[in-house]
Amino acid sequence: MRDELSNLFTDSVLHEPATGYDLYGNPAYGPAVARVARVIRRQRSVVGKSGDVVVSRAQVWFRDAVTIDLGDRFTLPDGTTNAAILAVDGSPDDSGELYTKVYL
């Protein structure tokens, strides 16, 4: 199934892993890694990290299992940088291989 869906992953996003905080209390990030993804801009209700229902304005799909921390940062193809990762979902496709979906 991966090969059948590979043409859907036409976007490139920059993923910066959270590394902690700087001396001023601002989030610090590691080097940006370019990742092939599918970015879908639509509103969807998700359960956020605090357990409240929040509205996601975009979802970023990766066709592989990618380790994502809620403190990480993404730069989308249009140049916008997300304010917060609301939730991360990793699920198997119909062939049993994992994919990762990030709600922004």
PDB file of N, CA and C in Angstrom:
ATOM      1  N   MET A   1       0.821  -1.194   0.000  1.00  0.00           N
ATOM      2  CA  MET A   1       0.000   0.000   0.000  1.00  0.00           C
ATOM      3  C   MET A   1       0.863   1.255   0.000  1.00  0.00           C
ATOM      4  N   ARG A   2       2.055   1.201   0.577  1.00  0.00           N
ATOM      5  CA  ARG A   2       2.914   2.390   0.619  1.00  0.00           C
ATOM      6  C   ARG A   2       3.150   2.962  -0.758  1.00  0.00           C
ATOM      7  N   ASP A   3       3.460   2.117  -1.734  1.00  0.00           N
ATOM      8  CA  ASP A   3       3.743   2.612  -3.070  1.00  0.00           C
ATOM      9  C   ASP A   3       2.517   3.248  -3.701  1.00  0.00           C
ATOM     10  N   GLU A   4       1.341   2.721  -3.401  1.00  0.00           N
ATOM     11  CA  GLU A   4       0.106   3.263  -3.955  1.00  0.00           C
ATOM     12  C   GLU A   4      -0.162   4.669  -3.430  1.00  0.00           C
ATOM     13  N   LEU A   5       0.248   4.964  -2.206  1.00  0.00           N
ATOM     14  CA  LEU A   5      -0.031   6.257  -1.585  1.00  0.00           C
ATOM     15  C   LEU A   5       1.127   7.241  -1.684  1.00  0.00           C
ATOM     16  N   SER A   6       2.263   6.808  -2.171  1.00  0.00           N
ATOM     17  CA  SER A   6       3.444   7.673  -2.155  1.00  0.00           C
ATOM     18  C   SER A   6       3.238   8.956  -2.946  1.00  0.00           C
ATOM     19  N   ASN A   7       2.390   8.951  -3.972  1.00  0.00           N
ATOM     20  CA  ASN A   7       2.168  10.167  -4.743  1.00  0.00           C
ATOM     21  C   ASN A   7       1.351  11.207  -3.982  1.00  0.00           C
ATOM     22  N   LEU A   8       0.779  10.843  -2.837  1.00  0.00           N
ATOM     23  CA  LEU A   8       0.025  11.799  -2.013  1.00  0.00           C
ATOM     24  C   LEU A   8       0.942  12.632  -1.117  1.00  0.00           C
ATOM     25  N   PHE A   9       2.148  12.151  -0.882  1.00  0.00           N
ATOM     26  CA  PHE A   9       3.087  12.823   0.014  1.00  0.00           C
ATOM     27  C   PHE A   9       3.989  13.737  -0.810  1.00  0.00           C
ATOM     28  N   THR A  10       3.448  14.904  -1.153  1.00  0.00           N
ATOM     29  CA  THR A  10       4.123  15.826  -2.068  1.00  0.00           C
ATOM     30  C   THR A  10       4.653  17.070  -1.371  1.00  0.00           C
ATOM     31  N   ASP A  11       4.430  17.198  -0.066  1.00  0.00           N
ATOM     32  CA  ASP A  11       4.874  18.378   0.670  1.00  0.00           C
ATOM     33  C   ASP A  11       6.190  18.094   1.384  1.00  0.00           C
ATOM     34  N   SER A  12       6.901  19.157   1.701  1.00  0.00           N
ATOM     35  CA  SER A  12       8.117  19.053   2.501  1.00  0.00           C
ATOM     36  C   SER A  12       7.956  19.982   3.700  1.00  0.00           C
ATOM     37  N   VAL A  13       8.155  19.448   4.888  1.00  0.00           N
ATOM     38  CA  VAL A  13       8.086  20.249   6.109  1.00  0.00           C
ATOM     39  C   VAL A  13       9.426  20.165   6.822  1.00  0.00           C
ATOM     40  N   LEU A  14       9.745  21.205   7.580  1.00  0.00           N
ATOM     41  CA  LEU A  14      10.940  21.188   8.418  1.00  0.00           C
ATOM     42  C   LEU A  14      10.527  20.821   9.832  1.00  0.00           C
ATOM     43  N   HIS A  15      11.181  19.840  10.393  1.00  0.00           N
ATOM     44  CA  HIS A  15      10.895  19.360  11.750  1.00  0.00           C
ATOM     45  C   HIS A  15      12.080  19.711  12.640  1.00  0.00           C
ATOM     46  N   GLU A  16      11.806  20.489  13.685  1.00  0.00           N
ATOM     47  CA  GLU A  16      12.843  20.852  14.651  1.00  0.00           C
ATOM     48  C   GLU A  16      12.491  20.214  15.998  1.00  0.00           C
ATOM     49  N   PRO A  17      13.270  19.245  16.453  1.00  0.00           N
ATOM     50  CA  PRO A  17      12.975  18.599  17.738  1.00  0.00           C
ATOM     51  C   PRO A  17      13.279  19.526  18.914  1.00  0.00           C
ATOM     52  N   ALA A  18      12.391  19.514  19.888  1.00  0.00           N
ATOM     53  CA  ALA A  18      12.596  20.311  21.102  1.00  0.00           C
ATOM     54  C   ALA A  18      13.772  19.736  21.879  1.00  0.00           C
ATOM     55  N   THR A  19      14.629  20.641  22.363  1.00  0.00           N
ATOM     56  CA  THR A  19      15.793  20.193  23.140  1.00  0.00           C
ATOM     57  C   THR A  19      15.773  20.720  24.575  1.00  0.00           C
ATOM     58  N   GLY A  20      14.789  21.544  24.901  1.00  0.00           N
ATOM     59  CA  GLY A  20      14.710  22.123  26.239  1.00  0.00           C
ATOM     60  C   GLY A  20      14.450  23.609  26.155  1.00  0.00           C
ATOM     61  N   TYR A  21      15.092  24.372  27.049  1.00  0.00           N
ATOM     62  CA  TYR A  21      14.868  25.816  27.119  1.00  0.00           C
ATOM     63  C   TYR A  21      16.210  26.540  27.196  1.00  0.00           C
ATOM     64  N   ASP A  22      16.218  27.757  26.665  1.00  0.00           N
ATOM     65  CA  ASP A  22      17.444  28.554  26.738  1.00  0.00           C
ATOM     66  C   ASP A  22      17.505  29.282  28.082  1.00  0.00           C
ATOM     67  N   LEU A  23      18.509  30.124  28.282  1.00  0.00           N
ATOM     68  CA  LEU A  23      18.700  30.838  29.550  1.00  0.00           C
ATOM     69  C   LEU A  23      17.558  31.782  29.888  1.00  0.00           C
ATOM     70  N   TYR A  24      16.779  32.181  28.868  1.00  0.00           N
ATOM     71  CA  TYR A  24      15.673  33.119  29.086  1.00  0.00           C
ATOM     72  C   TYR A  24      14.322  32.415  29.209  1.00  0.00           C
ATOM     73  N   GLY A  25      14.340  31.095  29.216  1.00  0.00           N
ATOM     74  CA  GLY A  25      13.109  30.335  29.355  1.00  0.00           C
ATOM     75  C   GLY A  25      12.368  30.107  28.048  1.00  0.00           C
ATOM     76  N   ASN A  26      12.987  30.452  26.929  1.00  0.00           N
ATOM     77  CA  ASN A  26      12.366  30.221  25.629  1.00  0.00           C
ATOM     78  C   ASN A  26      12.674  28.811  25.151  1.00  0.00           C
ATOM     79  N   PRO A  27      11.744  28.192  24.421  1.00  0.00           N
ATOM     80  CA  PRO A  27      12.021  26.848  23.898  1.00  0.00           C
ATOM     81  C   PRO A  27      13.254  26.847  22.999  1.00  0.00           C
ATOM     82  N   ALA A  28      14.036  25.796  23.091  1.00  0.00           N
ATOM     83  CA  ALA A  28      15.210  25.618  22.238  1.00  0.00           C
ATOM     84  C   ALA A  28      14.971  24.381  21.374  1.00  0.00           C
ATOM     85  N   TYR A  29      15.502  24.419  20.150  1.00  0.00           N
ATOM     86  CA  TYR A  29      15.264  23.344  19.196  1.00  0.00           C
ATOM     87  C   TYR A  29      16.570  22.864  18.594  1.00  0.00           C
ATOM     88  N   GLY A  30      16.559  21.597  18.189  1.00  0.00           N
ATOM     89  CA  GLY A  30      17.700  21.025  17.491  1.00  0.00           C
ATOM     90  C   GLY A  30      17.662  21.415  16.022  1.00  0.00           C
ATOM     91  N   PRO A  31      18.632  20.906  15.258  1.00  0.00           N
ATOM     92  CA  PRO A  31      18.690  21.238  13.833  1.00  0.00           C
ATOM     93  C   PRO A  31      17.430  20.780  13.103  1.00  0.00           C
ATOM     94  N   ALA A  32      17.006  21.587  12.133  1.00  0.00           N
ATOM     95  CA  ALA A  32      15.817  21.266  11.345  1.00  0.00           C
ATOM     96  C   ALA A  32      16.112  20.103  10.399  1.00  0.00           C
ATOM     97  N   VAL A  33      15.142  19.203  10.290  1.00  0.00           N
ATOM     98  CA  VAL A  33      15.230  18.064   9.383  1.00  0.00           C
ATOM     99  C   VAL A  33      14.079  18.182   8.392  1.00  0.00           C
ATOM    100  N   ALA A  34      14.388  18.153   7.100  1.00  0.00           N
ATOM    101  CA  ALA A  34      13.346  18.187   6.070  1.00  0.00           C
ATOM    102  C   ALA A  34      12.708  16.804   5.981  1.00  0.00           C
ATOM    103  N   ARG A  35      11.385  16.766   6.032  1.00  0.00           N
ATOM    104  CA  ARG A  35      10.653  15.503   5.959  1.00  0.00           C
ATOM    105  C   ARG A  35       9.591  15.583   4.873  1.00  0.00           C
ATOM    106  N   VAL A  36       9.436  14.503   4.138  1.00  0.00           N
ATOM    107  CA  VAL A  36       8.373  14.406   3.144  1.00  0.00           C
ATOM    108  C   VAL A  36       7.076  14.122   3.886  1.00  0.00           C
ATOM    109  N   ALA A  37       6.023  14.852   3.539  1.00  0.00           N
ATOM    110  CA  ALA A  37       4.770  14.740   4.277  1.00  0.00           C
ATOM    111  C   ALA A  37       3.587  15.072   3.370  1.00  0.00           C
ATOM    112  N   ARG A  38       2.423  14.976   3.942  1.00  0.00           N
ATOM    113  CA  ARG A  38       1.194  15.462   3.323  1.00  0.00           C
ATOM    114  C   ARG A  38       0.572  16.417   4.325  1.00  0.00           C
ATOM    115  N   VAL A  39       0.370  17.670   3.923  1.00  0.00           N
ATOM    116  CA  VAL A  39      -0.224  18.676   4.800  1.00  0.00           C
ATOM    117  C   VAL A  39      -1.664  18.894   4.357  1.00  0.00           C
ATOM    118  N   ILE A  40      -2.576  18.734   5.290  1.00  0.00           N
ATOM    119  CA  ILE A  40      -4.002  18.927   5.014  1.00  0.00           C
ATOM    120  C   ILE A  40      -4.491  20.037   5.925  1.00  0.00           C
ATOM    121  N   ARG A  41      -5.016  21.091   5.335  1.00  0.00           N
ATOM    122  CA  ARG A  41      -5.537  22.213   6.114  1.00  0.00           C
ATOM    123  C   ARG A  41      -7.048  22.073   6.219  1.00  0.00           C
ATOM    124  N   ARG A  42      -7.495  21.579   7.361  1.00  0.00           N
ATOM    125  CA  ARG A  42      -8.925  21.519   7.652  1.00  0.00           C
ATOM    126  C   ARG A  42      -9.089  21.462   9.158  1.00  0.00           C
ATOM    127  N   GLN A  43     -10.199  21.976   9.599  1.00  0.00           N
ATOM    128  CA  GLN A  43     -10.455  21.993  11.037  1.00  0.00           C
ATOM    129  C   GLN A  43     -10.985  20.639  11.480  1.00  0.00           C
ATOM    130  N   ARG A  44     -10.470  20.210  12.624  1.00  0.00           N
ATOM    131  CA  ARG A  44     -10.887  18.932  13.184  1.00  0.00           C
ATOM    132  C   ARG A  44     -10.744  19.018  14.693  1.00  0.00           C
ATOM    133  N   SER A  45     -11.714  18.500  15.420  1.00  0.00           N
ATOM    134  CA  SER A  45     -11.649  18.475  16.885  1.00  0.00           C
ATOM    135  C   SER A  45     -10.777  17.302  17.317  1.00  0.00           C
ATOM    136  N   VAL A  46      -9.841  17.571  18.232  1.00  0.00           N
ATOM    137  CA  VAL A  46      -8.981  16.527  18.781  1.00  0.00           C
ATOM    138  C   VAL A  46      -8.865  16.738  20.278  1.00  0.00           C
ATOM    139  N   VAL A  47      -8.500  15.692  20.982  1.00  0.00           N
ATOM    140  CA  VAL A  47      -8.249  15.804  22.416  1.00  0.00           C
ATOM    141  C   VAL A  47      -6.789  16.218  22.577  1.00  0.00           C
ATOM    142  N   GLY A  48      -6.563  17.388  23.173  1.00  0.00           N
ATOM    143  CA  GLY A  48      -5.220  17.920  23.353  1.00  0.00           C
ATOM    144  C   GLY A  48      -4.504  17.295  24.521  1.00  0.00           C
ATOM    145  N   LYS A  49      -3.275  17.748  24.762  1.00  0.00           N
ATOM    146  CA  LYS A  49      -2.446  17.159  25.814  1.00  0.00           C
ATOM    147  C   LYS A  49      -3.010  17.363  27.211  1.00  0.00           C
ATOM    148  N   SER A  50      -3.852  18.407  27.390  1.00  0.00           N
ATOM    149  CA  SER A  50      -4.453  18.645  28.704  1.00  0.00           C
ATOM    150  C   SER A  50      -5.742  17.852  28.905  1.00  0.00           C
ATOM    151  N   GLY A  51      -6.188  17.147  27.850  1.00  0.00           N
ATOM    152  CA  GLY A  51      -7.425  16.371  27.936  1.00  0.00           C
ATOM    153  C   GLY A  51      -8.640  17.135  27.446  1.00  0.00           C
ATOM    154  N   ASP A  52      -8.470  18.406  27.104  1.00  0.00           N
ATOM    155  CA  ASP A  52      -9.570  19.207  26.584  1.00  0.00           C
ATOM    156  C   ASP A  52      -9.710  18.990  25.078  1.00  0.00           C
ATOM    157  N   VAL A  53     -10.925  19.189  24.575  1.00  0.00           N
ATOM    158  CA  VAL A  53     -11.146  19.131  23.133  1.00  0.00           C
ATOM    159  C   VAL A  53     -10.718  20.469  22.541  1.00  0.00           C
ATOM    160  N   VAL A  54      -9.828  20.426  21.555  1.00  0.00           N
ATOM    161  CA  VAL A  54      -9.312  21.623  20.899  1.00  0.00           C
ATOM    162  C   VAL A  54      -9.498  21.468  19.390  1.00  0.00           C
ATOM    163  N   VAL A  55      -9.387  22.581  18.667  1.00  0.00           N
ATOM    164  CA  VAL A  55      -9.568  22.556  17.221  1.00  0.00           C
ATOM    165  C   VAL A  55      -8.212  22.577  16.532  1.00  0.00           C
ATOM    166  N   SER A  56      -7.954  21.559  15.749  1.00  0.00           N
ATOM    167  CA  SER A  56      -6.755  21.487  14.923  1.00  0.00           C
ATOM    168  C   SER A  56      -7.064  22.180  13.605  1.00  0.00           C
ATOM    169  N   ARG A  57      -6.152  23.004  13.140  1.00  0.00           N
ATOM    170  CA  ARG A  57      -6.353  23.722  11.874  1.00  0.00           C
ATOM    171  C   ARG A  57      -5.607  23.077  10.710  1.00  0.00           C
ATOM    172  N   ALA A  58      -4.681  22.176  11.024  1.00  0.00           N
ATOM    173  CA  ALA A  58      -3.937  21.463   9.976  1.00  0.00           C
ATOM    174  C   ALA A  58      -3.459  20.127  10.528  1.00  0.00           C
ATOM    175  N   GLN A  59      -3.334  19.174   9.635  1.00  0.00           N
ATOM    176  CA  GLN A  59      -2.776  17.876   9.985  1.00  0.00           C
ATOM    177  C   GLN A  59      -1.604  17.616   9.052  1.00  0.00           C
ATOM    178  N   VAL A  60      -0.540  17.077   9.626  1.00  0.00           N
ATOM    179  CA  VAL A  60       0.646  16.715   8.852  1.00  0.00           C
ATOM    180  C   VAL A  60       0.788  15.203   8.955  1.00  0.00           C
ATOM    181  N   TRP A  61       0.744  14.550   7.813  1.00  0.00           N
ATOM    182  CA  TRP A  61       0.859  13.093   7.746  1.00  0.00           C
ATOM    183  C   TRP A  61       2.259  12.713   7.272  1.00  0.00           C
ATOM    184  N   PHE A  62       2.848  11.734   7.941  1.00  0.00           N
ATOM    185  CA  PHE A  62       4.110  11.138   7.520  1.00  0.00           C
ATOM    186  C   PHE A  62       3.835   9.675   7.219  1.00  0.00           C
ATOM    187  N   ARG A  63       4.378   9.169   6.135  1.00  0.00           N
ATOM    188  CA  ARG A  63       4.059   7.790   5.771  1.00  0.00           C
ATOM    189  C   ARG A  63       4.900   6.769   6.508  1.00  0.00           C
ATOM    190  N   ASP A  64       5.704   7.218   7.451  1.00  0.00           N
ATOM    191  CA  ASP A  64       6.499   6.325   8.289  1.00  0.00           C
ATOM    192  C   ASP A  64       6.236   6.662   9.753  1.00  0.00           C
ATOM    193  N   ALA A  65       6.679   5.779  10.620  1.00  0.00           N
ATOM    194  CA  ALA A  65       6.616   6.074  12.049  1.00  0.00           C
ATOM    195  C   ALA A  65       7.723   7.077  12.360  1.00  0.00           C
ATOM    196  N   VAL A  66       7.349   8.273  12.782  1.00  0.00           N
ATOM    197  CA  VAL A  66       8.290   9.343  13.100  1.00  0.00           C
ATOM    198  C   VAL A  66       8.104   9.693  14.575  1.00  0.00           C
ATOM    199  N   THR A  67       9.191   9.843  15.308  1.00  0.00           N
ATOM    200  CA  THR A  67       9.108  10.225  16.714  1.00  0.00           C
ATOM    201  C   THR A  67       8.894  11.731  16.803  1.00  0.00           C
ATOM    202  N   ILE A  68       7.758  12.120  17.370  1.00  0.00           N
ATOM    203  CA  ILE A  68       7.381  13.528  17.502  1.00  0.00           C
ATOM    204  C   ILE A  68       7.058  13.791  18.964  1.00  0.00           C
ATOM    205  N   ASP A  69       7.643  14.844  19.521  1.00  0.00           N
ATOM    206  CA  ASP A  69       7.335  15.291  20.877  1.00  0.00           C
ATOM    207  C   ASP A  69       6.391  16.488  20.768  1.00  0.00           C
ATOM    208  N   LEU A  70       5.498  16.641  21.730  1.00  0.00           N
ATOM    209  CA  LEU A  70       4.540  17.747  21.685  1.00  0.00           C
ATOM    210  C   LEU A  70       5.211  19.117  21.724  1.00  0.00           C
ATOM    211  N   GLY A  71       6.467  19.197  22.125  1.00  0.00           N
ATOM    212  CA  GLY A  71       7.192  20.464  22.154  1.00  0.00           C
ATOM    213  C   GLY A  71       7.946  20.776  20.869  1.00  0.00           C
ATOM    214  N   ASP A  72       7.939  19.843  19.899  1.00  0.00           N
ATOM    215  CA  ASP A  72       8.659  20.053  18.641  1.00  0.00           C
ATOM    216  C   ASP A  72       8.022  21.179  17.830  1.00  0.00           C
ATOM    217  N   ARG A  73       8.711  21.582  16.780  1.00  0.00           N
ATOM    218  CA  ARG A  73       8.212  22.671  15.936  1.00  0.00           C
ATOM    219  C   ARG A  73       8.310  22.257  14.468  1.00  0.00           C
ATOM    220  N   PHE A  74       7.305  22.667  13.682  1.00  0.00           N
ATOM    221  CA  PHE A  74       7.274  22.403  12.248  1.00  0.00           C
ATOM    222  C   PHE A  74       7.165  23.699  11.484  1.00  0.00           C
ATOM    223  N   THR A  75       7.844  23.778  10.362  1.00  0.00           N
ATOM    224  CA  THR A  75       7.651  24.851   9.401  1.00  0.00           C
ATOM    225  C   THR A  75       6.993  24.214   8.183  1.00  0.00           C
ATOM    226  N   LEU A  76       5.802  24.717   7.851  1.00  0.00           N
ATOM    227  CA  LEU A  76       5.008  24.146   6.770  1.00  0.00           C
ATOM    228  C   LEU A  76       5.467  24.695   5.416  1.00  0.00           C
ATOM    229  N   PRO A  77       5.005  24.096   4.322  1.00  0.00           N
ATOM    230  CA  PRO A  77       5.445  24.527   2.995  1.00  0.00           C
ATOM    231  C   PRO A  77       5.192  26.003   2.685  1.00  0.00           C
ATOM    232  N   ASP A  78       4.170  26.602   3.299  1.00  0.00           N
ATOM    233  CA  ASP A  78       3.892  28.022   3.041  1.00  0.00           C
ATOM    234  C   ASP A  78       4.739  28.947   3.914  1.00  0.00           C
ATOM    235  N   GLY A  79       5.633  28.374   4.721  1.00  0.00           N
ATOM    236  CA  GLY A  79       6.535  29.170   5.559  1.00  0.00           C
ATOM    237  C   GLY A  79       6.037  29.412   6.965  1.00  0.00           C
ATOM    238  N   THR A  80       4.796  29.040   7.277  1.00  0.00           N
ATOM    239  CA  THR A  80       4.288  29.242   8.630  1.00  0.00           C
ATOM    240  C   THR A  80       4.908  28.224   9.577  1.00  0.00           C
ATOM    241  N   THR A  81       5.114  28.657  10.800  1.00  0.00           N
ATOM    242  CA  THR A  81       5.641  27.798  11.854  1.00  0.00           C
ATOM    243  C   THR A  81       4.538  27.593  12.875  1.00  0.00           C
ATOM    244  N   ASN A  82       4.301  26.343  13.248  1.00  0.00           N
ATOM    245  CA  ASN A  82       3.205  26.060  14.171  1.00  0.00           C
ATOM    246  C   ASN A  82       3.459  26.635  15.557  1.00  0.00           C
ATOM    247  N   ALA A  83       2.380  27.058  16.187  1.00  0.00           N
ATOM    248  CA  ALA A  83       2.466  27.556  17.553  1.00  0.00           C
ATOM    249  C   ALA A  83       2.534  26.402  18.545  1.00  0.00           C
ATOM    250  N   ALA A  84       1.822  25.330  18.255  1.00  0.00           N
ATOM    251  CA  ALA A  84       1.794  24.201  19.182  1.00  0.00           C
ATOM    252  C   ALA A  84       1.351  22.940  18.459  1.00  0.00           C
ATOM    253  N   ILE A  85       1.924  21.833  18.864  1.00  0.00           N
ATOM    254  CA  ILE A  85       1.442  20.539  18.406  1.00  0.00           C
ATOM    255  C   ILE A  85       0.364  20.131  19.387  1.00  0.00           C
ATOM    256  N   LEU A  86      -0.836  19.908  18.887  1.00  0.00           N
ATOM    257  CA  LEU A  86      -1.968  19.605  19.752  1.00  0.00           C
ATOM    258  C   LEU A  86      -2.034  18.127  20.117  1.00  0.00           C
ATOM    259  N   ALA A  87      -1.712  17.266  19.157  1.00  0.00           N
ATOM    260  CA  ALA A  87      -1.778  15.828  19.391  1.00  0.00           C
ATOM    261  C   ALA A  87      -0.962  15.124  18.319  1.00  0.00           C
ATOM    262  N   VAL A  88      -0.542  13.908  18.628  1.00  0.00           N
ATOM    263  CA  VAL A  88       0.183  13.062  17.680  1.00  0.00           C
ATOM    264  C   VAL A  88      -0.496  11.707  17.683  1.00  0.00           C
ATOM    265  N   ASP A  89      -0.707  11.163  16.486  1.00  0.00           N
ATOM    266  CA  ASP A  89      -1.374   9.877  16.346  1.00  0.00           C
ATOM    267  C   ASP A  89      -0.520   8.987  15.468  1.00  0.00           C
ATOM    268  N   GLY A  90      -0.256   7.793  15.917  1.00  0.00           N
ATOM    269  CA  GLY A  90       0.457   6.811  15.101  1.00  0.00           C
ATOM    270  C   GLY A  90      -0.417   5.587  14.958  1.00  0.00           C
ATOM    271  N   SER A  91      -0.723   5.225  13.725  1.00  0.00           N
ATOM    272  CA  SER A  91      -1.628   4.106  13.473  1.00  0.00           C
ATOM    273  C   SER A  91      -1.097   3.257  12.339  1.00  0.00           C
ATOM    274  N   PRO A  92      -1.450   1.976  12.338  1.00  0.00           N
ATOM    275  CA  PRO A  92      -1.046   1.137  11.213  1.00  0.00           C
ATOM    276  C   PRO A  92      -1.990   1.322  10.026  1.00  0.00           C
ATOM    277  N   ASP A  93      -1.441   1.199   8.810  1.00  0.00           N
ATOM    278  CA  ASP A  93      -2.312   1.196   7.636  1.00  0.00           C
ATOM    279  C   ASP A  93      -2.835  -0.224   7.431  1.00  0.00           C
ATOM    280  N   ASP A  94      -3.516  -0.483   6.326  1.00  0.00           N
ATOM    281  CA  ASP A  94      -4.121  -1.796   6.133  1.00  0.00           C
ATOM    282  C   ASP A  94      -3.101  -2.915   5.924  1.00  0.00           C
ATOM    283  N   SER A  95      -1.851  -2.560   5.654  1.00  0.00           N
ATOM    284  CA  SER A  95      -0.819  -3.585   5.523  1.00  0.00           C
ATOM    285  C   SER A  95      -0.041  -3.788   6.827  1.00  0.00           C
ATOM    286  N   GLY A  96      -0.401  -3.026   7.876  1.00  0.00           N
ATOM    287  CA  GLY A  96       0.244  -3.172   9.171  1.00  0.00           C
ATOM    288  C   GLY A  96       1.425  -2.255   9.397  1.00  0.00           C
ATOM    289  N   GLU A  97       1.800  -1.450   8.384  1.00  0.00           N
ATOM    290  CA  GLU A  97       2.918  -0.525   8.555  1.00  0.00           C
ATOM    291  C   GLU A  97       2.419   0.765   9.199  1.00  0.00           C
ATOM    292  N   LEU A  98       3.261   1.347  10.054  1.00  0.00           N
ATOM    293  CA  LEU A  98       2.854   2.537  10.807  1.00  0.00           C
ATOM    294  C   LEU A  98       3.006   3.818  10.011  1.00  0.00           C
ATOM    295  N   TYR A  99       2.093   4.759  10.258  1.00  0.00           N
ATOM    296  CA  TYR A  99       2.231   6.122   9.779  1.00  0.00           C
ATOM    297  C   TYR A  99       2.027   7.041  10.968  1.00  0.00           C
ATOM    298  N   THR A 100       2.417   8.291  10.842  1.00  0.00           N
ATOM    299  CA  THR A 100       2.297   9.253  11.931  1.00  0.00           C
ATOM    300  C   THR A 100       1.492  10.450  11.427  1.00  0.00           C
ATOM    301  N   LYS A 101       0.548  10.906  12.253  1.00  0.00           N
ATOM    302  CA  LYS A 101      -0.242  12.094  11.942  1.00  0.00           C
ATOM    303  C   LYS A 101      -0.086  13.083  13.086  1.00  0.00           C
ATOM    304  N   VAL A 102       0.246  14.345  12.749  1.00  0.00           N
ATOM    305  CA  VAL A 102       0.441  15.389  13.736  1.00  0.00           C
ATOM    306  C   VAL A 102      -0.640  16.437  13.539  1.00  0.00           C
ATOM    307  N   TYR A 103      -1.311  16.792  14.625  1.00  0.00           N
ATOM    308  CA  TYR A 103      -2.372  17.805  14.585  1.00  0.00           C
ATOM    309  C   TYR A 103      -1.804  19.137  15.063  1.00  0.00           C
ATOM    310  N   LEU A 104      -1.932  20.167  14.234  1.00  0.00           N
ATOM    311  CA  LEU A 104      -1.467  21.510  14.565  1.00  0.00           C
ATOM    312  C   LEU A 104      -2.656  22.436  14.732  1.00  0.00           C
TER     313      LEU A 104
END
